[in-house]
Amino acid sequence: IQYRLRPADNQAYAAAGALIWRPSAGGCVDVLLGRSVRSMQPRRHGTWTLLGGKRNKEETDAAGTAARELQEETLGLLDARLVRAALTLESSVCWMPDGAYAVHVAQADSAFAPVSRLETGEMLQLQRALPGTKASSELPRLASKEARQVLANNEGRLLLSALMRTLYRRLPEAHDLVRAMGGAQKWAQRAGLVVTTVADASRPAVVMLPPHERKQPWLEEDVQPGLEVDALLWIPWRTLSRPAVAHSFSYDSRRAYRAPFDVRNHGKVTVHPLLAAILSRHTGKLLRKHIEHQA
């Protein structure tokens, strides 16, 4: 674990994420995990893991990738700019050479306030508003339904700007929803729509353009689900790291995480294989020492 990612690793990383922790009652520590719902392997559906994902081609540093992933996977509850600043200034980095994965380890500060209000073991469904906010739990579904209706009335395709104008006219409260998710394109992707591009039209009224001219945002329906994480949960760190304590820190010891374990106020939790691999190897021992020392 390093306080800064080595320059060579920061150039070569393939993915980045964050293990966010906070002090809890009785001198304990909680960590923030997300429930995976989008995977090529069915056995991984419903498992819990740290927030993060693959690097985009234009990204140049792991903290930026991790911050973007946290904003996307929390549906805009966390602001990528604030999270990136927190990860850059306050976090340490655990480097996983096998997958070129950079895991930022950071204490939850003001950048994570929207999710810090959750109690330990209290699951936040991302389709719903945070406790104490005024946003409607039906708003994401209504906005998606309205958008699909607008698309259906326009042969399944429409300029993104035209779609948003129509959506805001029909559903004014969608303004806040789209803003919270990081803008129109990110909201559209999370709503299960595909964003493609078309060339600049000389006449704004022209909507259908030949494929070789497509360079502006368009939308069409997508059969793939938009969510990768559908819930958040603060889990006691000691509970999460306990299986590896009783085993050797070898690759095979991740088998200790295959069985669900209990989290107070929540019930059974199953760990995602990626997180199990991190915790069961030597990195798990390093993370425990680091977090307990910081706390």
Protein backbone atom coordinates (compact mmCIF):
# COMPACT_ATOMS: atom_id res chain seq x y z
CA ILE A 1 0.00 0.00 0.00
CA GLN A 2 1.40 3.34 -1.10
CA TYR A 3 0.38 6.92 -0.49
CA ARG A 4 0.79 7.59 -4.20
CA LEU A 5 0.55 5.26 -7.16
CA ARG A 6 3.90 4.79 -8.85
CA PRO A 7 4.12 6.67 -12.20
CA ALA A 8 4.60 3.43 -14.14
CA ASP A 9 1.53 1.87 -12.52
CA ASN A 10 -0.51 5.04 -13.07
CA GLN A 11 0.22 4.73 -16.78
CA ALA A 12 -0.38 0.99 -17.01
CA TYR A 13 -3.49 0.55 -14.83
CA ALA A 14 -6.48 -1.15 -16.45
CA ALA A 15 -9.08 -0.49 -13.75
CA ALA A 16 -9.51 1.48 -10.55
CA GLY A 17 -11.84 1.54 -7.59
CA ALA A 18 -12.14 2.70 -4.01
CA LEU A 19 -12.51 1.07 -0.62
CA ILE A 20 -14.18 3.79 1.43
CA TRP A 21 -14.20 3.40 5.21
CA ARG A 22 -15.56 5.32 8.20
CA PRO A 23 -15.31 5.04 12.00
CA SER A 24 -18.38 3.48 13.60
CA ALA A 25 -19.70 2.81 17.10
CA GLY A 26 -17.51 1.03 19.60
CA GLY A 27 -14.25 1.88 17.89
CA CYS A 28 -15.10 -0.24 14.85
CA VAL A 29 -14.80 0.58 11.15
CA ASP A 30 -17.36 0.23 8.33
CA VAL A 31 -16.59 -0.08 4.60
CA LEU A 32 -18.86 0.89 1.71
CA LEU A 33 -19.78 -1.85 -0.78
CA GLY A 34 -22.11 -2.06 -3.78
CA ARG A 35 -24.29 -4.97 -4.89
CA SER A 36 -23.35 -6.22 -8.34
CA VAL A 37 -26.21 -6.80 -10.79
CA ARG A 38 -24.41 -6.76 -14.14
CA SER A 39 -22.03 -9.63 -14.84
CA MET A 40 -21.38 -12.25 -17.50
CA GLN A 41 -21.35 -14.87 -14.74
CA PRO A 42 -24.75 -15.45 -13.06
CA ARG A 43 -23.18 -16.59 -9.79
CA ARG A 44 -21.82 -13.07 -9.29
CA HIS A 45 -25.25 -11.42 -9.41
CA GLY A 46 -26.23 -10.12 -5.99
CA THR A 47 -22.71 -10.30 -4.56
CA TRP A 48 -21.14 -7.33 -2.79
CA THR A 49 -17.92 -5.64 -3.86
CA LEU A 50 -16.01 -2.37 -3.76
CA LEU A 51 -17.03 0.36 -6.19
CA GLY A 52 -14.90 0.71 -9.30
CA GLY A 53 -14.43 -0.38 -12.88
CA LYS A 54 -12.46 -0.32 -16.09
CA ARG A 55 -10.43 2.60 -17.36
CA ASN A 56 -11.76 4.67 -20.27
CA LYS A 57 -9.42 5.32 -23.17
CA GLU A 58 -9.16 9.06 -22.53
CA GLU A 59 -8.42 8.74 -18.79
CA THR A 60 -4.89 9.39 -17.60
CA ASP A 61 -4.93 8.71 -13.84
CA ALA A 62 -6.38 6.05 -11.59
CA ALA A 63 -7.97 8.51 -9.13
CA GLY A 64 -10.00 10.03 -11.97
CA THR A 65 -11.19 6.60 -13.10
CA ALA A 66 -12.18 5.60 -9.58
CA ALA A 67 -14.03 8.90 -9.03
CA ARG A 68 -15.97 8.55 -12.29
CA GLU A 69 -16.92 4.99 -11.42
CA LEU A 70 -18.13 6.03 -7.97
CA GLN A 71 -20.33 8.74 -9.46
CA GLU A 72 -21.75 6.39 -12.09
CA GLU A 73 -22.32 3.44 -9.78
CA THR A 74 -24.07 5.58 -7.15
CA LEU A 75 -26.26 7.17 -9.86
CA GLY A 76 -24.82 10.60 -9.21
CA LEU A 77 -25.16 10.59 -5.42
CA LEU A 78 -21.40 11.12 -5.28
CA ASP A 79 -19.79 13.92 -7.29
CA ALA A 80 -16.79 12.76 -9.31
CA ARG A 81 -14.95 16.08 -8.89
CA LEU A 82 -15.24 16.01 -5.10
CA VAL A 83 -14.40 12.32 -4.91
CA ARG A 84 -11.36 12.72 -7.14
CA ALA A 85 -10.06 15.53 -4.94
CA ALA A 86 -10.55 13.37 -1.84
CA LEU A 87 -8.82 10.37 -3.41
CA THR A 88 -5.93 12.48 -4.68
CA LEU A 89 -5.27 14.27 -1.39
CA GLU A 90 -6.30 11.87 1.34
CA SER A 91 -6.21 8.28 0.09
CA SER A 92 -3.64 5.53 -0.08
CA VAL A 93 -3.44 3.08 -2.99
CA CYS A 94 -3.33 -0.70 -2.98
CA TRP A 95 -1.90 -1.96 -6.28
CA MET A 96 -3.14 -5.32 -7.63
CA PRO A 97 -0.58 -6.31 -10.31
CA ASP A 98 -2.50 -9.34 -11.64
CA GLY A 99 -5.33 -7.24 -13.03
CA ALA A 100 -3.49 -3.91 -13.06
CA TYR A 101 -6.13 -2.74 -10.60
CA ALA A 102 -5.59 0.33 -8.38
CA VAL A 103 -7.68 0.31 -5.18
CA HIS A 104 -7.81 3.68 -3.42
CA VAL A 105 -8.32 3.39 0.33
CA ALA A 106 -9.86 6.53 1.83
CA GLN A 107 -11.78 7.64 4.88
CA ALA A 108 -15.23 9.01 4.10
CA ASP A 109 -15.14 12.82 4.31
CA SER A 110 -17.55 15.52 3.11
CA ALA A 111 -17.29 14.23 -0.47
CA PHE A 112 -19.12 11.09 0.68
CA ALA A 113 -21.76 12.85 2.81
CA PRO A 114 -24.72 11.70 0.64
CA VAL A 115 -24.07 8.06 1.57
CA SER A 116 -22.52 8.56 5.01
CA ARG A 117 -25.92 9.12 6.61
CA LEU A 118 -26.79 5.45 6.13
CA GLU A 119 -26.66 3.25 9.23
CA THR A 120 -24.45 0.16 9.34
CA GLY A 121 -26.33 -2.65 7.61
CA GLU A 122 -28.97 -0.29 6.19
CA MET A 123 -29.18 -1.02 2.46
CA LEU A 124 -29.80 1.85 0.07
CA GLN A 125 -31.62 0.85 -3.11
CA LEU A 126 -30.28 3.17 -5.79
CA GLN A 127 -33.66 3.50 -7.47
CA ARG A 128 -34.85 5.25 -4.32
CA ALA A 129 -34.00 8.60 -2.81
CA LEU A 130 -31.68 8.87 0.19
CA PRO A 131 -33.34 8.98 3.62
CA GLY A 132 -34.55 12.49 4.36
CA THR A 133 -34.53 13.77 0.76
CA LYS A 134 -37.61 14.88 -1.16
CA ALA A 135 -36.92 13.06 -4.42
CA SER A 136 -39.64 10.61 -5.45
CA SER A 137 -38.77 6.92 -5.51
CA GLU A 138 -40.89 6.66 -8.69
CA LEU A 139 -39.05 9.40 -10.56
CA PRO A 140 -36.34 7.25 -12.25
CA ARG A 141 -38.98 4.81 -13.52
CA LEU A 142 -41.29 7.59 -14.73
CA ALA A 143 -38.47 9.43 -16.51
CA SER A 144 -37.35 6.24 -18.27
CA LYS A 145 -40.93 5.44 -19.27
CA GLU A 146 -41.49 8.94 -20.68
CA ALA A 147 -38.21 8.84 -22.61
CA ARG A 148 -39.09 5.51 -24.21
CA GLN A 149 -42.51 6.84 -25.19
CA VAL A 150 -40.92 9.86 -26.85
CA LEU A 151 -38.53 7.57 -28.72
CA ALA A 152 -41.38 5.29 -29.79
CA ASN A 153 -43.13 8.33 -31.29
CA ASN A 154 -40.00 9.14 -33.30
CA GLU A 155 -39.21 5.76 -34.88
CA GLY A 156 -36.92 4.78 -32.01
CA ARG A 157 -34.32 7.50 -32.56
CA LEU A 158 -34.01 11.16 -31.68
CA LEU A 159 -31.36 13.76 -31.03
CA LEU A 160 -30.45 13.69 -27.36
CA SER A 161 -31.11 17.43 -27.00
CA ALA A 162 -34.58 17.05 -28.54
CA LEU A 163 -35.38 14.11 -26.30
CA MET A 164 -34.38 16.03 -23.17
CA ARG A 165 -36.43 19.09 -24.16
CA THR A 166 -39.49 16.91 -24.59
CA LEU A 167 -38.82 14.99 -21.38
CA TYR A 168 -38.40 18.17 -19.32
CA ARG A 169 -41.63 19.56 -20.77
CA ARG A 170 -43.55 16.42 -19.86
CA LEU A 171 -41.78 15.78 -16.55
CA PRO A 172 -40.18 18.98 -15.14
CA GLU A 173 -38.88 17.22 -12.02
CA ALA A 174 -36.59 15.13 -14.25
CA HIS A 175 -34.22 18.14 -14.33
CA ASP A 176 -32.92 17.34 -10.85
CA LEU A 177 -32.70 13.60 -11.56
CA VAL A 178 -30.61 14.08 -14.71
CA ARG A 179 -28.35 16.62 -13.01
CA ALA A 180 -27.77 14.25 -10.07
CA MET A 181 -26.72 11.48 -12.45
CA GLY A 182 -24.04 13.61 -14.11
CA GLY A 183 -25.85 14.89 -17.20
CA ALA A 184 -28.11 13.74 -20.02
CA GLN A 185 -25.80 11.15 -21.58
CA LYS A 186 -25.05 9.39 -18.29
CA TRP A 187 -28.70 9.45 -17.29
CA ALA A 188 -29.67 7.94 -20.67
CA GLN A 189 -27.16 5.13 -20.28
CA ARG A 190 -28.40 4.37 -16.77
CA ALA A 191 -31.97 4.36 -18.09
CA GLY A 192 -31.03 1.49 -20.44
CA LEU A 193 -30.69 3.60 -23.60
CA VAL A 194 -27.80 3.58 -26.06
CA VAL A 195 -26.04 6.87 -26.79
CA THR A 196 -24.49 6.96 -30.28
CA THR A 197 -23.33 9.92 -32.39
CA VAL A 198 -24.27 11.67 -35.62
CA ALA A 199 -22.68 14.50 -37.61
CA ASP A 200 -23.62 18.15 -37.09
CA ALA A 201 -26.82 18.80 -39.01
CA SER A 202 -26.90 22.00 -41.03
CA ARG A 203 -30.63 22.20 -40.30
CA PRO A 204 -31.64 21.43 -36.70
CA ALA A 205 -34.96 19.99 -37.91
CA VAL A 206 -33.14 17.16 -39.72
CA VAL A 207 -33.11 14.14 -37.42
CA MET A 208 -32.46 11.09 -39.60
CA LEU A 209 -28.94 11.22 -41.07
CA PRO A 210 -26.88 8.61 -42.97
CA PRO A 211 -24.64 6.45 -40.74
CA HIS A 212 -21.34 7.92 -41.97
CA GLU A 213 -22.40 11.38 -40.71
CA ARG A 214 -23.36 10.36 -37.17
CA LYS A 215 -21.31 12.44 -34.73
CA GLN A 216 -23.91 13.94 -32.38
CA PRO A 217 -25.71 12.22 -29.49
CA TRP A 218 -28.57 9.95 -30.49
CA LEU A 219 -30.57 7.52 -28.44
CA GLU A 220 -32.06 4.15 -29.20
CA GLU A 221 -33.26 1.32 -27.01
CA ASP A 222 -30.77 -1.17 -25.61
CA VAL A 223 -31.48 -4.71 -24.43
CA GLN A 224 -28.65 -4.51 -21.89
CA PRO A 225 -29.53 -3.32 -18.36
CA GLY A 226 -28.19 0.09 -17.41
CA LEU A 227 -27.23 -0.60 -13.81
CA GLU A 228 -24.03 -2.28 -12.67
CA VAL A 229 -24.69 -1.70 -8.95
CA ASP A 230 -28.24 -1.48 -7.60
CA ALA A 231 -27.65 -0.97 -3.87
CA LEU A 232 -25.12 0.34 -1.35
CA LEU A 233 -24.32 -0.98 2.11
CA TRP A 234 -21.94 -0.12 4.95
CA ILE A 235 -20.47 -3.38 6.30
CA PRO A 236 -18.37 -3.77 9.46
CA TRP A 237 -14.77 -4.20 8.38
CA ARG A 238 -14.01 -6.85 11.00
CA THR A 239 -16.93 -8.95 9.82
CA LEU A 240 -15.85 -8.63 6.20
CA SER A 241 -12.19 -9.46 6.80
CA ARG A 242 -12.74 -12.23 9.36
CA PRO A 243 -12.80 -15.26 6.97
CA ALA A 244 -9.27 -14.54 5.76
CA VAL A 245 -7.94 -14.21 9.30
CA ALA A 246 -8.49 -17.92 9.92
CA HIS A 247 -6.82 -18.96 6.66
CA SER A 248 -3.42 -18.63 5.07
CA PHE A 249 -3.06 -15.60 2.81
CA SER A 250 -3.03 -17.63 -0.38
CA TYR A 251 -5.10 -17.47 -3.53
CA ASP A 252 -7.08 -20.56 -2.50
CA SER A 253 -8.18 -19.01 0.79
CA ARG A 254 -10.80 -16.95 -1.05
CA ARG A 255 -12.92 -20.10 -0.82
CA ALA A 256 -13.64 -18.92 2.71
CA TYR A 257 -15.78 -16.15 1.18
CA ARG A 258 -18.05 -18.38 -0.91
CA ALA A 259 -20.49 -18.90 1.94
CA PRO A 260 -22.72 -15.93 2.92
CA PHE A 261 -22.11 -14.30 6.30
CA ASP A 262 -24.27 -12.19 8.60
CA VAL A 263 -24.23 -8.39 8.76
CA ARG A 264 -26.10 -6.80 11.61
CA ASN A 265 -29.32 -4.99 10.65
CA HIS A 266 -29.16 -6.57 7.20
CA GLY A 267 -28.84 -10.35 7.07
CA LYS A 268 -26.82 -12.57 4.75
CA VAL A 269 -24.14 -11.10 2.48
CA THR A 270 -22.09 -12.86 -0.20
CA VAL A 271 -18.76 -11.37 -1.28
CA HIS A 272 -17.95 -10.84 -4.98
CA PRO A 273 -15.01 -12.98 -6.22
CA LEU A 274 -12.95 -9.87 -7.00
CA LEU A 275 -13.22 -8.57 -3.44
CA ALA A 276 -12.66 -12.07 -2.07
CA ALA A 277 -9.41 -12.30 -4.04
CA ILE A 278 -8.25 -8.95 -2.67
CA LEU A 279 -9.09 -9.84 0.93
CA SER A 280 -7.79 -13.40 0.89
CA ARG A 281 -4.36 -12.65 -0.52
CA HIS A 282 -1.55 -10.81 1.20
CA THR A 283 -3.27 -7.56 0.21
CA GLY A 284 -6.03 -8.41 2.70
CA LYS A 285 -3.54 -8.46 5.54
CA LEU A 286 -2.06 -5.14 4.38
CA LEU A 287 -5.50 -3.54 4.11
CA ARG A 288 -6.49 -4.65 7.61
CA LYS A 289 -3.33 -3.25 9.13
CA HIS A 290 -3.63 -0.02 7.15
CA ILE A 291 -7.29 0.66 7.95
CA GLU A 292 -6.97 -0.28 11.61
CA HIS A 293 -3.90 1.95 11.94
CA GLN A 294 -5.67 4.89 10.26
CA ALA A 295 -8.78 4.42 12.39
